[in-house]
N, C-alpha and C. Protein backbone atom coordinates (compact mmCIF):
# COMPACT_ATOMS: atom_id res chain seq x y z
N ASN A 1 5.94 14.96 6.73
CA ASN A 1 5.29 16.09 6.08
C ASN A 1 4.81 15.63 4.70
N LEU A 2 3.52 15.55 4.53
CA LEU A 2 2.95 15.04 3.28
C LEU A 2 3.25 15.93 2.09
N ASP A 3 3.60 17.19 2.34
CA ASP A 3 3.92 18.11 1.24
C ASP A 3 5.39 18.11 0.87
N ASP A 4 6.24 17.39 1.63
CA ASP A 4 7.64 17.23 1.22
C ASP A 4 7.66 16.57 -0.14
N THR A 5 8.77 16.72 -0.84
CA THR A 5 8.87 16.10 -2.17
C THR A 5 9.99 15.07 -2.19
N PHE A 6 9.88 14.20 -3.18
CA PHE A 6 10.85 13.12 -3.39
C PHE A 6 10.99 12.93 -4.89
N THR A 7 12.22 12.74 -5.35
CA THR A 7 12.46 12.53 -6.78
C THR A 7 12.67 11.05 -7.05
N ILE A 8 11.87 10.52 -7.95
CA ILE A 8 11.95 9.10 -8.35
C ILE A 8 13.27 8.89 -9.09
N THR A 9 14.01 7.88 -8.67
CA THR A 9 15.32 7.61 -9.28
C THR A 9 15.23 6.51 -10.33
N GLY A 10 16.25 6.41 -11.14
CA GLY A 10 16.36 5.33 -12.11
C GLY A 10 16.46 3.98 -11.41
N GLU A 11 17.09 3.96 -10.25
CA GLU A 11 17.19 2.73 -9.47
C GLU A 11 15.79 2.21 -9.10
N ILE A 12 14.90 3.13 -8.75
CA ILE A 12 13.52 2.74 -8.40
C ILE A 12 12.77 2.23 -9.62
N THR A 13 12.83 2.95 -10.73
CA THR A 13 12.10 2.51 -11.92
C THR A 13 12.69 1.20 -12.46
N ASP A 14 14.00 1.03 -12.37
CA ASP A 14 14.63 -0.22 -12.81
C ASP A 14 14.18 -1.38 -11.93
N TYR A 15 14.12 -1.15 -10.62
CA TYR A 15 13.69 -2.18 -9.67
C TYR A 15 12.28 -2.66 -10.02
N CYS A 16 11.41 -1.71 -10.31
CA CYS A 16 10.03 -2.06 -10.66
C CYS A 16 9.97 -2.85 -11.96
N TYR A 17 10.77 -2.45 -12.94
CA TYR A 17 10.77 -3.13 -14.24
C TYR A 17 11.34 -4.55 -14.11
N VAL A 18 12.49 -4.67 -13.47
CA VAL A 18 13.15 -5.97 -13.34
C VAL A 18 12.28 -6.96 -12.57
N ASN A 19 11.54 -6.47 -11.59
CA ASN A 19 10.71 -7.35 -10.76
C ASN A 19 9.26 -7.43 -11.24
N ASP A 20 8.97 -6.83 -12.41
CA ASP A 20 7.63 -6.89 -13.02
C ASP A 20 6.53 -6.44 -12.04
N CYS A 21 6.80 -5.30 -11.40
CA CYS A 21 5.87 -4.77 -10.39
C CYS A 21 4.80 -3.88 -11.02
N SER A 22 3.67 -3.81 -10.35
CA SER A 22 2.68 -2.80 -10.72
C SER A 22 3.21 -1.45 -10.25
N THR A 23 2.84 -0.39 -10.93
CA THR A 23 3.34 0.94 -10.58
C THR A 23 2.21 1.96 -10.58
N ALA A 24 2.49 3.09 -9.95
CA ALA A 24 1.55 4.21 -10.00
C ALA A 24 1.73 4.97 -11.30
N GLY A 25 2.90 4.86 -11.91
CA GLY A 25 3.18 5.53 -13.18
C GLY A 25 4.17 6.67 -13.08
N PHE A 26 4.86 6.80 -11.95
CA PHE A 26 5.86 7.85 -11.81
C PHE A 26 7.06 7.51 -12.68
N GLU A 27 7.73 8.54 -13.18
CA GLU A 27 8.86 8.36 -14.08
C GLU A 27 10.17 8.76 -13.43
N LYS A 28 11.25 8.21 -13.95
CA LYS A 28 12.59 8.58 -13.50
C LYS A 28 12.76 10.10 -13.58
N GLY A 29 13.22 10.69 -12.50
CA GLY A 29 13.44 12.14 -12.46
C GLY A 29 12.22 12.95 -12.07
N GLU A 30 11.08 12.30 -11.89
CA GLU A 30 9.85 13.01 -11.53
C GLU A 30 9.86 13.31 -10.03
N THR A 31 9.59 14.55 -9.69
CA THR A 31 9.53 14.96 -8.29
C THR A 31 8.07 15.04 -7.87
N VAL A 32 7.73 14.21 -6.88
CA VAL A 32 6.35 14.08 -6.42
C VAL A 32 6.29 14.34 -4.92
N THR A 33 5.09 14.56 -4.42
CA THR A 33 4.93 14.79 -2.98
C THR A 33 4.89 13.45 -2.23
N VAL A 34 5.17 13.51 -0.96
CA VAL A 34 5.06 12.33 -0.11
C VAL A 34 3.60 11.84 -0.11
N ARG A 35 2.65 12.76 -0.16
CA ARG A 35 1.22 12.40 -0.24
C ARG A 35 0.98 11.57 -1.51
N ASP A 36 1.56 12.00 -2.63
CA ASP A 36 1.41 11.26 -3.88
C ASP A 36 1.99 9.85 -3.74
N LEU A 37 3.13 9.73 -3.05
CA LEU A 37 3.75 8.42 -2.84
C LEU A 37 2.85 7.53 -1.99
N LEU A 38 2.24 8.09 -0.97
CA LEU A 38 1.37 7.31 -0.10
C LEU A 38 0.15 6.79 -0.86
N TYR A 39 -0.54 7.67 -1.58
CA TYR A 39 -1.69 7.24 -2.37
C TYR A 39 -1.26 6.29 -3.50
N GLY A 40 -0.10 6.55 -4.09
CA GLY A 40 0.41 5.69 -5.16
C GLY A 40 0.77 4.30 -4.67
N THR A 41 1.16 4.20 -3.42
CA THR A 41 1.47 2.91 -2.82
C THR A 41 0.19 2.10 -2.59
N ILE A 42 -0.85 2.75 -2.09
CA ILE A 42 -2.06 2.04 -1.69
C ILE A 42 -3.05 1.82 -2.82
N LEU A 43 -3.43 2.85 -3.54
CA LEU A 43 -4.51 2.70 -4.52
C LEU A 43 -4.15 1.73 -5.66
N PRO A 44 -3.07 1.95 -6.42
CA PRO A 44 -2.75 1.02 -7.50
C PRO A 44 -1.68 -0.01 -7.12
N SER A 45 -1.32 -0.10 -5.84
CA SER A 45 -0.22 -0.97 -5.40
C SER A 45 1.06 -0.63 -6.14
N GLY A 46 1.36 0.64 -6.24
CA GLY A 46 2.51 1.12 -7.00
C GLY A 46 3.83 0.87 -6.32
N ALA A 47 4.63 -0.02 -6.90
CA ALA A 47 5.96 -0.31 -6.34
C ALA A 47 6.86 0.91 -6.44
N ASP A 48 6.70 1.71 -7.51
CA ASP A 48 7.51 2.92 -7.64
C ASP A 48 7.26 3.85 -6.46
N ALA A 49 6.01 3.97 -6.07
CA ALA A 49 5.64 4.81 -4.94
C ALA A 49 6.10 4.20 -3.62
N ALA A 50 5.94 2.89 -3.47
CA ALA A 50 6.31 2.22 -2.23
C ALA A 50 7.81 2.31 -1.97
N VAL A 51 8.61 2.06 -2.98
CA VAL A 51 10.06 2.13 -2.81
C VAL A 51 10.48 3.58 -2.58
N GLY A 52 9.84 4.51 -3.27
CA GLY A 52 10.11 5.93 -3.04
C GLY A 52 9.77 6.34 -1.62
N LEU A 53 8.62 5.89 -1.14
CA LEU A 53 8.19 6.22 0.22
C LEU A 53 9.13 5.60 1.25
N ALA A 54 9.53 4.36 1.03
CA ALA A 54 10.47 3.69 1.94
C ALA A 54 11.80 4.44 1.99
N THR A 55 12.26 4.86 0.84
CA THR A 55 13.52 5.60 0.76
C THR A 55 13.39 6.96 1.43
N TYR A 56 12.28 7.64 1.22
CA TYR A 56 12.04 8.93 1.87
C TYR A 56 12.04 8.77 3.39
N VAL A 57 11.34 7.75 3.89
CA VAL A 57 11.18 7.57 5.33
C VAL A 57 12.46 7.10 6.00
N ALA A 58 13.14 6.12 5.40
CA ALA A 58 14.25 5.45 6.10
C ALA A 58 15.60 5.60 5.42
N GLY A 59 15.63 6.15 4.22
CA GLY A 59 16.90 6.29 3.51
C GLY A 59 17.16 5.20 2.50
N SER A 60 16.53 4.04 2.70
CA SER A 60 16.67 2.92 1.76
C SER A 60 15.55 1.92 2.04
N GLN A 61 15.31 1.07 1.06
CA GLN A 61 14.30 0.03 1.26
C GLN A 61 14.77 -0.94 2.36
N GLU A 62 16.07 -1.22 2.42
CA GLU A 62 16.60 -2.13 3.43
C GLU A 62 16.37 -1.59 4.85
N ALA A 63 16.63 -0.30 5.03
CA ALA A 63 16.42 0.32 6.35
C ALA A 63 14.92 0.33 6.69
N PHE A 64 14.09 0.52 5.68
CA PHE A 64 12.64 0.51 5.91
C PHE A 64 12.17 -0.89 6.30
N MET A 65 12.78 -1.93 5.71
CA MET A 65 12.41 -3.31 6.06
C MET A 65 12.69 -3.56 7.53
N LYS A 66 13.78 -3.02 8.04
CA LYS A 66 14.07 -3.16 9.47
C LYS A 66 12.94 -2.51 10.28
N MET A 67 12.50 -1.33 9.86
CA MET A 67 11.39 -0.66 10.56
C MET A 67 10.12 -1.51 10.50
N MET A 68 9.84 -2.08 9.33
CA MET A 68 8.63 -2.91 9.17
C MET A 68 8.71 -4.14 10.07
N ASN A 69 9.86 -4.80 10.10
CA ASN A 69 10.00 -5.99 10.93
C ASN A 69 10.01 -5.65 12.41
N ASP A 70 10.54 -4.47 12.78
CA ASP A 70 10.44 -4.02 14.17
C ASP A 70 8.98 -3.80 14.56
N LYS A 71 8.18 -3.27 13.63
CA LYS A 71 6.76 -3.06 13.88
C LYS A 71 6.04 -4.41 14.07
N LEU A 72 6.42 -5.40 13.27
CA LEU A 72 5.84 -6.74 13.44
C LEU A 72 6.12 -7.26 14.85
N GLU A 73 7.35 -7.03 15.32
CA GLU A 73 7.70 -7.47 16.67
C GLU A 73 6.86 -6.74 17.72
N GLU A 74 6.70 -5.43 17.52
CA GLU A 74 5.89 -4.62 18.43
C GLU A 74 4.44 -5.12 18.48
N LEU A 75 3.92 -5.57 17.34
CA LEU A 75 2.55 -6.07 17.26
C LEU A 75 2.43 -7.53 17.71
N GLY A 76 3.55 -8.16 18.04
CA GLY A 76 3.53 -9.55 18.46
C GLY A 76 3.40 -10.52 17.31
N LEU A 77 3.82 -10.11 16.12
CA LEU A 77 3.65 -10.94 14.92
C LEU A 77 4.97 -11.47 14.36
N SER A 78 6.08 -11.21 15.02
CA SER A 78 7.38 -11.56 14.45
C SER A 78 7.62 -13.06 14.33
N GLU A 79 6.85 -13.88 15.02
CA GLU A 79 7.00 -15.34 14.90
C GLU A 79 6.34 -15.87 13.63
N SER A 80 5.33 -15.15 13.11
CA SER A 80 4.56 -15.66 11.97
C SER A 80 4.64 -14.78 10.73
N ALA A 81 5.33 -13.64 10.82
CA ALA A 81 5.44 -12.73 9.67
C ALA A 81 6.85 -12.18 9.59
N HIS A 82 7.30 -11.93 8.37
CA HIS A 82 8.61 -11.32 8.14
C HIS A 82 8.61 -10.71 6.75
N PHE A 83 9.17 -9.53 6.63
CA PHE A 83 9.21 -8.83 5.35
C PHE A 83 10.65 -8.69 4.84
N THR A 84 10.83 -8.86 3.54
CA THR A 84 12.14 -8.68 2.90
C THR A 84 12.14 -7.53 1.90
N ASN A 85 10.95 -7.01 1.59
CA ASN A 85 10.84 -5.88 0.68
C ASN A 85 9.54 -5.15 0.99
N CYS A 86 9.43 -3.91 0.52
CA CYS A 86 8.24 -3.11 0.83
C CYS A 86 7.18 -3.20 -0.24
N VAL A 87 7.39 -4.07 -1.21
CA VAL A 87 6.51 -4.15 -2.37
C VAL A 87 5.64 -5.40 -2.35
N GLY A 88 6.09 -6.44 -1.69
CA GLY A 88 5.36 -7.70 -1.70
C GLY A 88 5.87 -8.68 -2.72
N ILE A 89 7.06 -8.43 -3.27
CA ILE A 89 7.66 -9.36 -4.22
C ILE A 89 7.92 -10.68 -3.50
N TYR A 90 7.63 -11.78 -4.19
CA TYR A 90 7.79 -13.09 -3.57
C TYR A 90 9.24 -13.34 -3.19
N ASP A 91 9.39 -13.90 -1.99
CA ASP A 91 10.69 -14.32 -1.45
C ASP A 91 10.34 -15.34 -0.38
N ASP A 92 11.09 -16.43 -0.29
CA ASP A 92 10.80 -17.45 0.72
C ASP A 92 10.80 -16.87 2.14
N ASN A 93 11.56 -15.82 2.36
CA ASN A 93 11.65 -15.20 3.68
C ASN A 93 10.70 -14.02 3.86
N HIS A 94 9.80 -13.82 2.90
CA HIS A 94 8.79 -12.75 2.96
C HIS A 94 7.44 -13.45 3.11
N TYR A 95 6.87 -13.37 4.31
CA TYR A 95 5.63 -14.11 4.55
C TYR A 95 4.79 -13.42 5.61
N CYS A 96 3.51 -13.75 5.59
CA CYS A 96 2.55 -13.12 6.49
C CYS A 96 1.29 -13.98 6.48
N SER A 97 0.75 -14.29 7.63
CA SER A 97 -0.45 -15.12 7.68
C SER A 97 -1.71 -14.25 7.53
N VAL A 98 -2.83 -14.91 7.33
CA VAL A 98 -4.11 -14.23 7.25
C VAL A 98 -4.36 -13.47 8.56
N TYR A 99 -4.09 -14.12 9.68
CA TYR A 99 -4.24 -13.47 10.98
C TYR A 99 -3.36 -12.23 11.09
N ASP A 100 -2.11 -12.35 10.64
CA ASP A 100 -1.18 -11.21 10.68
C ASP A 100 -1.76 -10.02 9.91
N MET A 101 -2.31 -10.31 8.72
CA MET A 101 -2.87 -9.23 7.90
C MET A 101 -4.06 -8.57 8.61
N ALA A 102 -4.85 -9.37 9.31
CA ALA A 102 -5.99 -8.80 10.06
C ALA A 102 -5.49 -7.87 11.16
N ILE A 103 -4.46 -8.28 11.87
CA ILE A 103 -3.91 -7.45 12.93
C ILE A 103 -3.30 -6.17 12.35
N ILE A 104 -2.61 -6.29 11.23
CA ILE A 104 -2.02 -5.11 10.59
C ILE A 104 -3.13 -4.14 10.16
N MET A 105 -4.21 -4.66 9.55
CA MET A 105 -5.32 -3.79 9.14
C MET A 105 -5.97 -3.15 10.36
N ASP A 106 -6.17 -3.91 11.42
CA ASP A 106 -6.78 -3.38 12.63
C ASP A 106 -5.95 -2.21 13.16
N ASN A 107 -4.64 -2.33 13.12
CA ASN A 107 -3.78 -1.24 13.57
C ASN A 107 -3.79 -0.07 12.60
N ALA A 108 -3.85 -0.35 11.31
CA ALA A 108 -3.87 0.72 10.31
C ALA A 108 -5.11 1.60 10.46
N VAL A 109 -6.25 0.99 10.73
CA VAL A 109 -7.48 1.78 10.81
C VAL A 109 -7.54 2.63 12.08
N ASN A 110 -6.59 2.44 12.97
CA ASN A 110 -6.49 3.31 14.14
C ASN A 110 -5.73 4.60 13.83
N ASN A 111 -5.23 4.72 12.61
CA ASN A 111 -4.48 5.90 12.19
C ASN A 111 -5.34 6.69 11.20
N GLU A 112 -5.59 7.96 11.50
CA GLU A 112 -6.48 8.79 10.67
C GLU A 112 -6.02 8.88 9.23
N LEU A 113 -4.72 9.08 9.01
CA LEU A 113 -4.21 9.19 7.65
C LEU A 113 -4.38 7.87 6.90
N CYS A 114 -4.09 6.76 7.56
CA CYS A 114 -4.29 5.44 6.92
C CYS A 114 -5.74 5.24 6.54
N ARG A 115 -6.66 5.59 7.43
CA ARG A 115 -8.09 5.45 7.12
C ARG A 115 -8.45 6.26 5.88
N LYS A 116 -7.95 7.48 5.80
CA LYS A 116 -8.27 8.34 4.67
C LYS A 116 -7.76 7.74 3.36
N VAL A 117 -6.53 7.26 3.36
CA VAL A 117 -5.95 6.71 2.13
C VAL A 117 -6.59 5.38 1.77
N LEU A 118 -6.76 4.49 2.74
CA LEU A 118 -7.35 3.17 2.47
C LEU A 118 -8.81 3.25 2.02
N SER A 119 -9.50 4.34 2.34
CA SER A 119 -10.90 4.47 1.94
C SER A 119 -11.08 5.29 0.66
N ALA A 120 -10.01 5.84 0.14
CA ALA A 120 -10.11 6.68 -1.06
C ALA A 120 -10.51 5.84 -2.27
N HIS A 121 -11.45 6.34 -3.03
CA HIS A 121 -11.83 5.67 -4.28
C HIS A 121 -10.88 6.09 -5.40
N THR A 122 -10.61 7.38 -5.47
CA THR A 122 -9.70 7.91 -6.48
C THR A 122 -8.84 9.01 -5.86
N TYR A 123 -7.75 9.30 -6.52
CA TYR A 123 -6.85 10.37 -6.11
C TYR A 123 -6.08 10.80 -7.35
N THR A 124 -5.93 12.10 -7.52
CA THR A 124 -5.13 12.62 -8.62
C THR A 124 -3.86 13.22 -8.03
N THR A 125 -2.73 12.72 -8.51
CA THR A 125 -1.45 13.20 -8.01
C THR A 125 -1.21 14.65 -8.41
N SER A 126 -0.26 15.27 -7.77
CA SER A 126 0.11 16.65 -8.08
C SER A 126 0.62 16.75 -9.52
N ALA A 127 0.43 17.91 -10.12
CA ALA A 127 0.94 18.15 -11.47
C ALA A 127 2.46 18.19 -11.43
N THR A 128 3.08 17.54 -12.39
CA THR A 128 4.54 17.57 -12.53
C THR A 128 4.86 17.85 -13.98
N GLU A 129 6.13 18.06 -14.26
CA GLU A 129 6.55 18.27 -15.65
C GLU A 129 6.20 17.05 -16.50
N GLN A 130 6.39 15.87 -15.94
CA GLN A 130 6.11 14.62 -16.67
C GLN A 130 4.61 14.34 -16.78
N HIS A 131 3.84 14.79 -15.81
CA HIS A 131 2.39 14.57 -15.79
C HIS A 131 1.70 15.88 -15.42
N PRO A 132 1.56 16.80 -16.38
CA PRO A 132 0.99 18.12 -16.09
C PRO A 132 -0.43 18.09 -15.51
N GLU A 133 -1.18 17.04 -15.81
CA GLU A 133 -2.53 16.90 -15.28
C GLU A 133 -2.56 15.99 -14.05
N GLY A 134 -1.40 15.53 -13.61
CA GLY A 134 -1.32 14.55 -12.54
C GLY A 134 -1.67 13.17 -13.09
N ILE A 135 -1.63 12.19 -12.22
CA ILE A 135 -2.00 10.82 -12.58
C ILE A 135 -3.23 10.47 -11.76
N GLU A 136 -4.28 9.99 -12.42
CA GLU A 136 -5.47 9.59 -11.69
C GLU A 136 -5.29 8.14 -11.22
N LEU A 137 -5.33 7.97 -9.91
CA LEU A 137 -5.18 6.67 -9.29
C LEU A 137 -6.55 6.22 -8.78
N SER A 138 -6.78 4.92 -8.75
CA SER A 138 -8.08 4.41 -8.32
C SER A 138 -7.91 3.16 -7.49
N ASN A 139 -8.76 3.00 -6.48
CA ASN A 139 -8.83 1.79 -5.67
C ASN A 139 -10.03 0.99 -6.16
N TRP A 140 -9.82 0.19 -7.20
CA TRP A 140 -10.91 -0.58 -7.80
C TRP A 140 -11.48 -1.60 -6.84
N PHE A 141 -10.67 -2.10 -5.94
CA PHE A 141 -11.14 -3.10 -4.97
C PHE A 141 -12.26 -2.54 -4.11
N VAL A 142 -12.03 -1.40 -3.48
CA VAL A 142 -13.06 -0.79 -2.63
C VAL A 142 -14.27 -0.43 -3.47
N ARG A 143 -14.04 0.10 -4.66
CA ARG A 143 -15.16 0.49 -5.51
C ARG A 143 -16.01 -0.72 -5.90
N ARG A 144 -15.38 -1.86 -6.22
CA ARG A 144 -16.12 -3.06 -6.61
C ARG A 144 -16.90 -3.65 -5.43
N ILE A 145 -16.28 -3.66 -4.26
CA ILE A 145 -16.98 -4.19 -3.09
C ILE A 145 -18.23 -3.36 -2.81
N GLU A 146 -18.12 -2.07 -2.89
CA GLU A 146 -19.25 -1.20 -2.57
C GLU A 146 -20.38 -1.33 -3.58
N ASP A 147 -20.08 -1.87 -4.76
CA ASP A 147 -21.12 -2.08 -5.76
C ASP A 147 -21.99 -3.31 -5.44
N LYS A 148 -21.55 -4.16 -4.53
CA LYS A 148 -22.27 -5.39 -4.20
C LYS A 148 -23.26 -5.14 -3.08
N GLU A 149 -24.31 -5.93 -3.05
CA GLU A 149 -25.31 -5.84 -1.98
C GLU A 149 -24.83 -6.69 -0.81
N THR A 150 -24.23 -6.05 0.18
CA THR A 150 -23.65 -6.78 1.31
C THR A 150 -24.37 -6.49 2.62
N ASN A 151 -25.33 -5.59 2.61
CA ASN A 151 -26.01 -5.17 3.84
C ASN A 151 -25.03 -4.58 4.85
N GLY A 152 -23.96 -4.06 4.35
CA GLY A 152 -22.95 -3.46 5.21
C GLY A 152 -22.21 -2.37 4.45
N ILE A 153 -21.26 -1.79 5.11
CA ILE A 153 -20.50 -0.70 4.50
C ILE A 153 -19.02 -1.04 4.54
N PRO A 154 -18.44 -1.52 3.42
CA PRO A 154 -17.01 -1.70 3.40
C PRO A 154 -16.37 -0.31 3.44
N VAL A 155 -15.40 -0.18 4.24
CA VAL A 155 -14.82 1.14 4.43
C VAL A 155 -13.41 1.22 3.88
N TYR A 156 -12.59 0.22 4.12
CA TYR A 156 -11.19 0.26 3.73
C TYR A 156 -10.80 -1.07 3.10
N GLY A 157 -9.84 -1.02 2.18
CA GLY A 157 -9.39 -2.27 1.58
C GLY A 157 -8.09 -2.15 0.84
N LYS A 158 -7.37 -3.27 0.77
CA LYS A 158 -6.09 -3.33 0.06
C LYS A 158 -5.94 -4.71 -0.53
N THR A 159 -5.47 -4.77 -1.76
CA THR A 159 -5.23 -6.03 -2.44
C THR A 159 -3.74 -6.25 -2.66
N GLY A 160 -3.41 -7.47 -3.04
CA GLY A 160 -2.06 -7.83 -3.42
C GLY A 160 -2.10 -9.02 -4.33
N PHE A 161 -1.04 -9.21 -5.11
CA PHE A 161 -0.97 -10.37 -5.99
C PHE A 161 0.48 -10.69 -6.31
N VAL A 162 0.83 -11.95 -6.17
CA VAL A 162 2.05 -12.52 -6.73
C VAL A 162 1.66 -13.90 -7.23
N ASP A 163 2.34 -14.38 -8.26
CA ASP A 163 2.01 -15.68 -8.85
C ASP A 163 1.95 -16.78 -7.79
N GLU A 164 2.92 -16.79 -6.88
CA GLU A 164 3.04 -17.86 -5.90
C GLU A 164 1.88 -17.88 -4.90
N SER A 165 1.29 -16.74 -4.61
CA SER A 165 0.22 -16.67 -3.63
C SER A 165 -1.15 -16.42 -4.25
N GLY A 166 -1.15 -15.90 -5.45
CA GLY A 166 -2.42 -15.56 -6.09
C GLY A 166 -2.95 -14.23 -5.56
N SER A 167 -4.23 -14.02 -5.75
CA SER A 167 -4.87 -12.78 -5.32
C SER A 167 -5.11 -12.82 -3.81
N CYS A 168 -4.77 -11.73 -3.16
CA CYS A 168 -4.96 -11.59 -1.72
C CYS A 168 -5.67 -10.26 -1.47
N ALA A 169 -6.42 -10.20 -0.38
CA ALA A 169 -7.11 -8.95 -0.06
C ALA A 169 -7.39 -8.88 1.44
N VAL A 170 -7.40 -7.66 1.93
CA VAL A 170 -7.82 -7.39 3.30
C VAL A 170 -8.77 -6.21 3.25
N SER A 171 -9.90 -6.34 3.93
CA SER A 171 -10.86 -5.24 3.94
C SER A 171 -11.43 -5.09 5.35
N PHE A 172 -11.92 -3.89 5.60
CA PHE A 172 -12.49 -3.54 6.89
C PHE A 172 -13.85 -2.94 6.59
N GLY A 173 -14.89 -3.44 7.23
CA GLY A 173 -16.22 -2.93 6.96
C GLY A 173 -17.05 -2.85 8.22
N THR A 174 -18.19 -2.23 8.07
CA THR A 174 -19.13 -2.05 9.17
C THR A 174 -20.49 -2.57 8.73
N ASN A 175 -21.15 -3.39 9.58
CA ASN A 175 -22.47 -3.87 9.19
C ASN A 175 -23.54 -2.83 9.52
N GLU A 176 -24.78 -3.17 9.19
CA GLU A 176 -25.88 -2.20 9.38
C GLU A 176 -26.10 -1.84 10.85
N ASN A 177 -25.57 -2.65 11.77
CA ASN A 177 -25.69 -2.37 13.21
C ASN A 177 -24.48 -1.65 13.77
N GLY A 178 -23.53 -1.33 12.92
CA GLY A 178 -22.34 -0.62 13.36
C GLY A 178 -21.20 -1.51 13.83
N ARG A 179 -21.37 -2.81 13.76
CA ARG A 179 -20.30 -3.72 14.15
C ARG A 179 -19.26 -3.78 13.04
N THR A 180 -17.98 -3.77 13.44
CA THR A 180 -16.91 -3.77 12.45
C THR A 180 -16.38 -5.18 12.22
N TYR A 181 -15.91 -5.40 11.00
CA TYR A 181 -15.36 -6.69 10.59
C TYR A 181 -14.12 -6.48 9.75
N ILE A 182 -13.19 -7.41 9.87
CA ILE A 182 -12.03 -7.45 8.98
C ILE A 182 -12.11 -8.77 8.24
N CYS A 183 -11.98 -8.71 6.93
CA CYS A 183 -12.00 -9.90 6.09
C CYS A 183 -10.67 -10.00 5.35
N VAL A 184 -10.02 -11.16 5.48
CA VAL A 184 -8.75 -11.40 4.79
C VAL A 184 -8.91 -12.65 3.95
N THR A 185 -8.60 -12.53 2.67
CA THR A 185 -8.66 -13.70 1.77
C THR A 185 -7.38 -13.79 0.98
């Protein structure tokens, strides 16, 4: 239920700080909607939102990792991909190939809610005591791609970055003839 709420804990904000994660900007004690967590996870790569969403869905980040790795097995990717956290923090046992990311994106775009979030340019979170006007989130990656002359229509995209891997991105687009493409870099 996207309208359910979740309260950001000190454990979540501490985790983000200690691991030098990007965040959506939620604060300890702030009660936000599951919808806000979903957009906060995707648009600004908010670790606060991702850990909150994982905790909401599975009870803990560890339990959510089991769900993520079970999904990799279901997709036939468990030999080449494995997750140890829901944020993308570097770990020798946290890995995913370019092909794996393409398959994950291909599956994500088959979900209406995922398509809506991955294609959003901006989103303003619900008003809270800590953020009475909400927080304006933006997907700069999709916005920048659409500013280029590509003779196609990029529709969805997600970026990531860790020092060890550098900048990473996956995007899904449609050319002028309606053919779809997934690009992973």
